Amino acid sequence: MPEQQHSIEIDIPQQTLTLRDAAGNVLMRTHVSTAKNGPGERMNSECTPRGRHIIRAKIGVGAPTNTVFVSRRPTDEIYTPALRVLYPQRDWILTRILWLSGQEPGGNRLGNVDSMRRCIYIHGAPDEDIMGTPSSHGCIKMRNLDIIALFDRVAASTPVLING
């Protein structure tokens, strides 16, 4: 039986993520946190890129909740608030990663606006991080239980539309 095609929409102004099935029915809607610097596509801007993307890779299958990732690799650490005190400058990427690739050449793909080269992810975040308020370095942050639920429902190549 072929896998059902889903789609994801990120609404930057509303700070929400919506997962839909092939018929457009809402399967999941949750608050997220996009870039503190707002929307934008340029390299090193720490902005959330807009437009059409796909999930290029799924990283973290089976990893324990709160697994810490650095450069898309688990560090063998499990996040705690005490660990955050030890590493106050770390950008916490936890539990699962959905790595995005832009689909609009010159808009969010290739050159100085390439979402994949910018390492734009949908990923888990510490429980104490506030959702519904922009605070990321460009990625889309989610609650850990929400990223697990999303990760388990989508395939690589799932379309992701980021509106802003």
Protein backbone atom coordinates (compact mmCIF):
# COMPACT_ATOMS: atom_id res chain seq x y z
CA MET A 1 0.00 0.00 0.00
CA PRO A 2 1.58 3.37 -1.00
CA GLU A 3 2.30 5.87 1.76
CA GLN A 4 -0.26 8.67 1.95
CA GLN A 5 1.11 12.08 0.92
CA HIS A 6 0.91 14.73 3.59
CA SER A 7 1.76 18.42 3.51
CA ILE A 8 2.98 20.83 6.16
CA GLU A 9 2.28 24.55 6.41
CA ILE A 10 4.23 26.85 8.71
CA ASP A 11 2.51 30.18 9.41
CA ILE A 12 5.17 32.63 10.64
CA PRO A 13 2.76 35.40 11.76
CA GLN A 14 0.61 32.89 13.69
CA GLN A 15 3.60 30.77 14.83
CA THR A 16 1.78 27.55 13.93
CA LEU A 17 2.50 24.33 12.07
CA THR A 18 -0.35 22.47 10.38
CA LEU A 19 -0.11 18.93 9.02
CA ARG A 20 -2.69 17.97 6.39
CA ASP A 21 -3.53 14.73 4.63
CA ALA A 22 -3.80 14.39 0.85
CA ALA A 23 -7.45 15.56 0.96
CA GLY A 24 -6.52 18.71 2.91
CA ASN A 25 -7.90 17.52 6.25
CA VAL A 26 -6.05 18.86 9.30
CA LEU A 27 -4.29 16.02 11.11
CA MET A 28 -2.26 18.14 13.51
CA ARG A 29 -1.94 21.81 14.43
CA THR A 30 0.52 23.10 17.00
CA HIS A 31 2.36 26.23 18.06
CA VAL A 32 5.98 26.52 16.98
CA SER A 33 8.75 29.07 17.29
CA THR A 34 10.33 30.54 14.17
CA ALA A 35 13.23 32.99 13.86
CA LYS A 36 13.68 35.79 16.35
CA ASN A 37 14.99 37.82 13.37
CA GLY A 38 11.76 37.26 11.41
CA PRO A 39 11.35 35.90 7.89
CA GLY A 40 14.16 36.02 5.35
CA GLU A 41 16.16 33.84 3.05
CA ARG A 42 19.75 35.14 3.08
CA MET A 43 22.67 33.04 4.33
CA ASN A 44 23.76 33.93 7.90
CA SER A 45 20.64 36.07 8.48
CA GLU A 46 19.24 33.79 11.21
CA CYS A 47 15.82 34.35 9.60
CA THR A 48 13.21 31.71 8.73
CA PRO A 49 13.05 31.19 4.95
CA ARG A 50 9.68 31.45 3.22
CA GLY A 51 8.24 29.57 0.28
CA ARG A 52 8.00 26.00 -0.92
CA HIS A 53 10.31 23.41 0.64
CA ILE A 54 10.44 19.64 1.00
CA ILE A 55 11.71 17.45 3.79
CA ARG A 56 15.10 16.39 2.41
CA ALA A 57 16.10 14.14 5.34
CA LYS A 58 14.69 12.71 8.56
CA ILE A 59 17.26 12.43 11.35
CA GLY A 60 16.92 10.83 14.77
CA VAL A 61 14.76 7.75 14.21
CA GLY A 62 14.32 6.04 17.58
CA ALA A 63 16.44 8.53 19.53
CA PRO A 64 15.31 9.10 23.12
CA THR A 65 13.30 12.25 23.82
CA ASN A 66 15.66 15.18 24.56
CA THR A 67 18.59 13.65 22.66
CA VAL A 68 20.97 16.53 21.88
CA PHE A 69 22.10 16.95 18.26
CA VAL A 70 25.04 19.00 17.05
CA SER A 71 25.67 19.13 13.29
CA ARG A 72 22.84 16.59 12.86
CA ARG A 73 24.62 14.00 15.01
CA PRO A 74 23.60 12.84 18.48
CA THR A 75 26.10 13.95 21.13
CA ASP A 76 25.25 11.14 23.60
CA GLU A 77 23.80 13.85 25.86
CA ILE A 78 20.21 14.03 27.06
CA TYR A 79 19.06 17.62 27.53
CA THR A 80 18.36 18.92 31.04
CA PRO A 81 18.09 22.48 32.35
CA ALA A 82 21.38 21.82 34.19
CA LEU A 83 23.07 21.01 30.85
CA ARG A 84 21.75 24.31 29.48
CA VAL A 85 23.50 26.13 32.34
CA LEU A 86 26.78 24.42 31.37
CA TYR A 87 26.39 25.43 27.69
CA PRO A 88 24.45 28.72 27.68
CA GLN A 89 25.37 29.63 24.07
CA ARG A 90 24.34 26.31 22.51
CA ASP A 91 21.46 26.31 20.02
CA TRP A 92 19.46 23.36 21.40
CA ILE A 93 18.37 20.94 18.66
CA LEU A 94 16.64 18.02 20.33
CA THR A 95 14.89 14.68 19.73
CA ARG A 96 14.27 14.69 15.93
CA ILE A 97 15.28 16.75 12.89
CA LEU A 98 13.40 17.28 9.62
CA TRP A 99 15.97 18.93 7.34
CA LEU A 100 14.36 21.24 4.77
CA SER A 101 15.38 21.91 1.19
CA GLY A 102 14.05 24.93 -0.71
CA GLN A 103 12.26 24.34 -4.01
CA GLU A 104 12.41 27.85 -5.47
CA PRO A 105 15.72 28.60 -7.27
CA GLY A 106 16.84 32.10 -6.37
CA GLY A 107 14.19 32.32 -3.64
CA ASN A 108 15.15 29.62 -1.13
CA ARG A 109 17.37 27.33 -3.19
CA LEU A 110 20.92 27.70 -4.52
CA GLY A 111 23.31 30.61 -4.10
CA ASN A 112 23.08 32.86 -1.06
CA VAL A 113 19.50 31.78 -0.19
CA ASP A 114 19.76 27.97 -0.04
CA SER A 115 17.69 26.64 2.89
CA MET A 116 19.46 23.28 2.92
CA ARG A 117 22.94 24.85 3.01
CA ARG A 118 21.63 27.13 5.78
CA CYS A 119 20.70 23.96 7.75
CA ILE A 120 17.07 24.97 8.22
CA TYR A 121 15.26 22.29 10.24
CA ILE A 122 12.01 21.54 11.96
CA HIS A 123 13.30 20.19 15.28
CA GLY A 124 12.57 19.60 18.94
CA ALA A 125 13.39 22.18 21.61
CA PRO A 126 13.73 22.34 25.40
CA ASP A 127 10.41 22.16 27.26
CA GLU A 128 11.05 25.55 28.87
CA ASP A 129 11.34 27.28 25.47
CA ILE A 130 8.16 29.23 24.75
CA MET A 131 6.22 28.21 21.66
CA GLY A 132 4.08 30.73 19.79
CA THR A 133 6.79 33.40 20.04
CA PRO A 134 9.67 33.85 17.56
CA SER A 135 12.94 32.85 19.25
CA SER A 136 14.93 30.53 16.95
CA HIS A 137 18.08 31.12 14.89
CA GLY A 138 16.10 30.44 11.68
CA CYS A 139 14.72 26.95 12.23
CA ILE A 140 11.21 25.94 13.24
CA LYS A 141 11.26 24.74 16.86
CA MET A 142 8.59 22.42 18.28
CA ARG A 143 7.79 20.68 21.55
CA ASN A 144 9.54 17.29 21.68
CA LEU A 145 6.33 15.25 21.79
CA ASP A 146 5.01 17.24 18.81
CA ILE A 147 8.14 16.70 16.70
CA ILE A 148 7.99 12.96 17.43
CA ALA A 149 4.33 12.82 16.36
CA LEU A 150 5.08 14.81 13.19
CA PHE A 151 8.25 12.86 12.38
CA ASP A 152 6.40 9.54 12.63
CA ARG A 153 3.68 10.70 10.20
CA VAL A 154 5.69 12.26 7.37
CA ALA A 155 8.09 10.96 4.76
CA ALA A 156 11.16 12.45 3.18
CA SER A 157 9.93 14.55 0.23
CA THR A 158 6.85 15.80 2.12
CA PRO A 159 6.05 19.34 0.90
CA VAL A 160 6.46 22.14 3.45
CA LEU A 161 5.09 25.62 2.74
CA ILE A 162 6.42 28.44 4.92
CA ASN A 163 4.20 31.55 4.82
CA GLY A 164 5.32 34.81 6.31
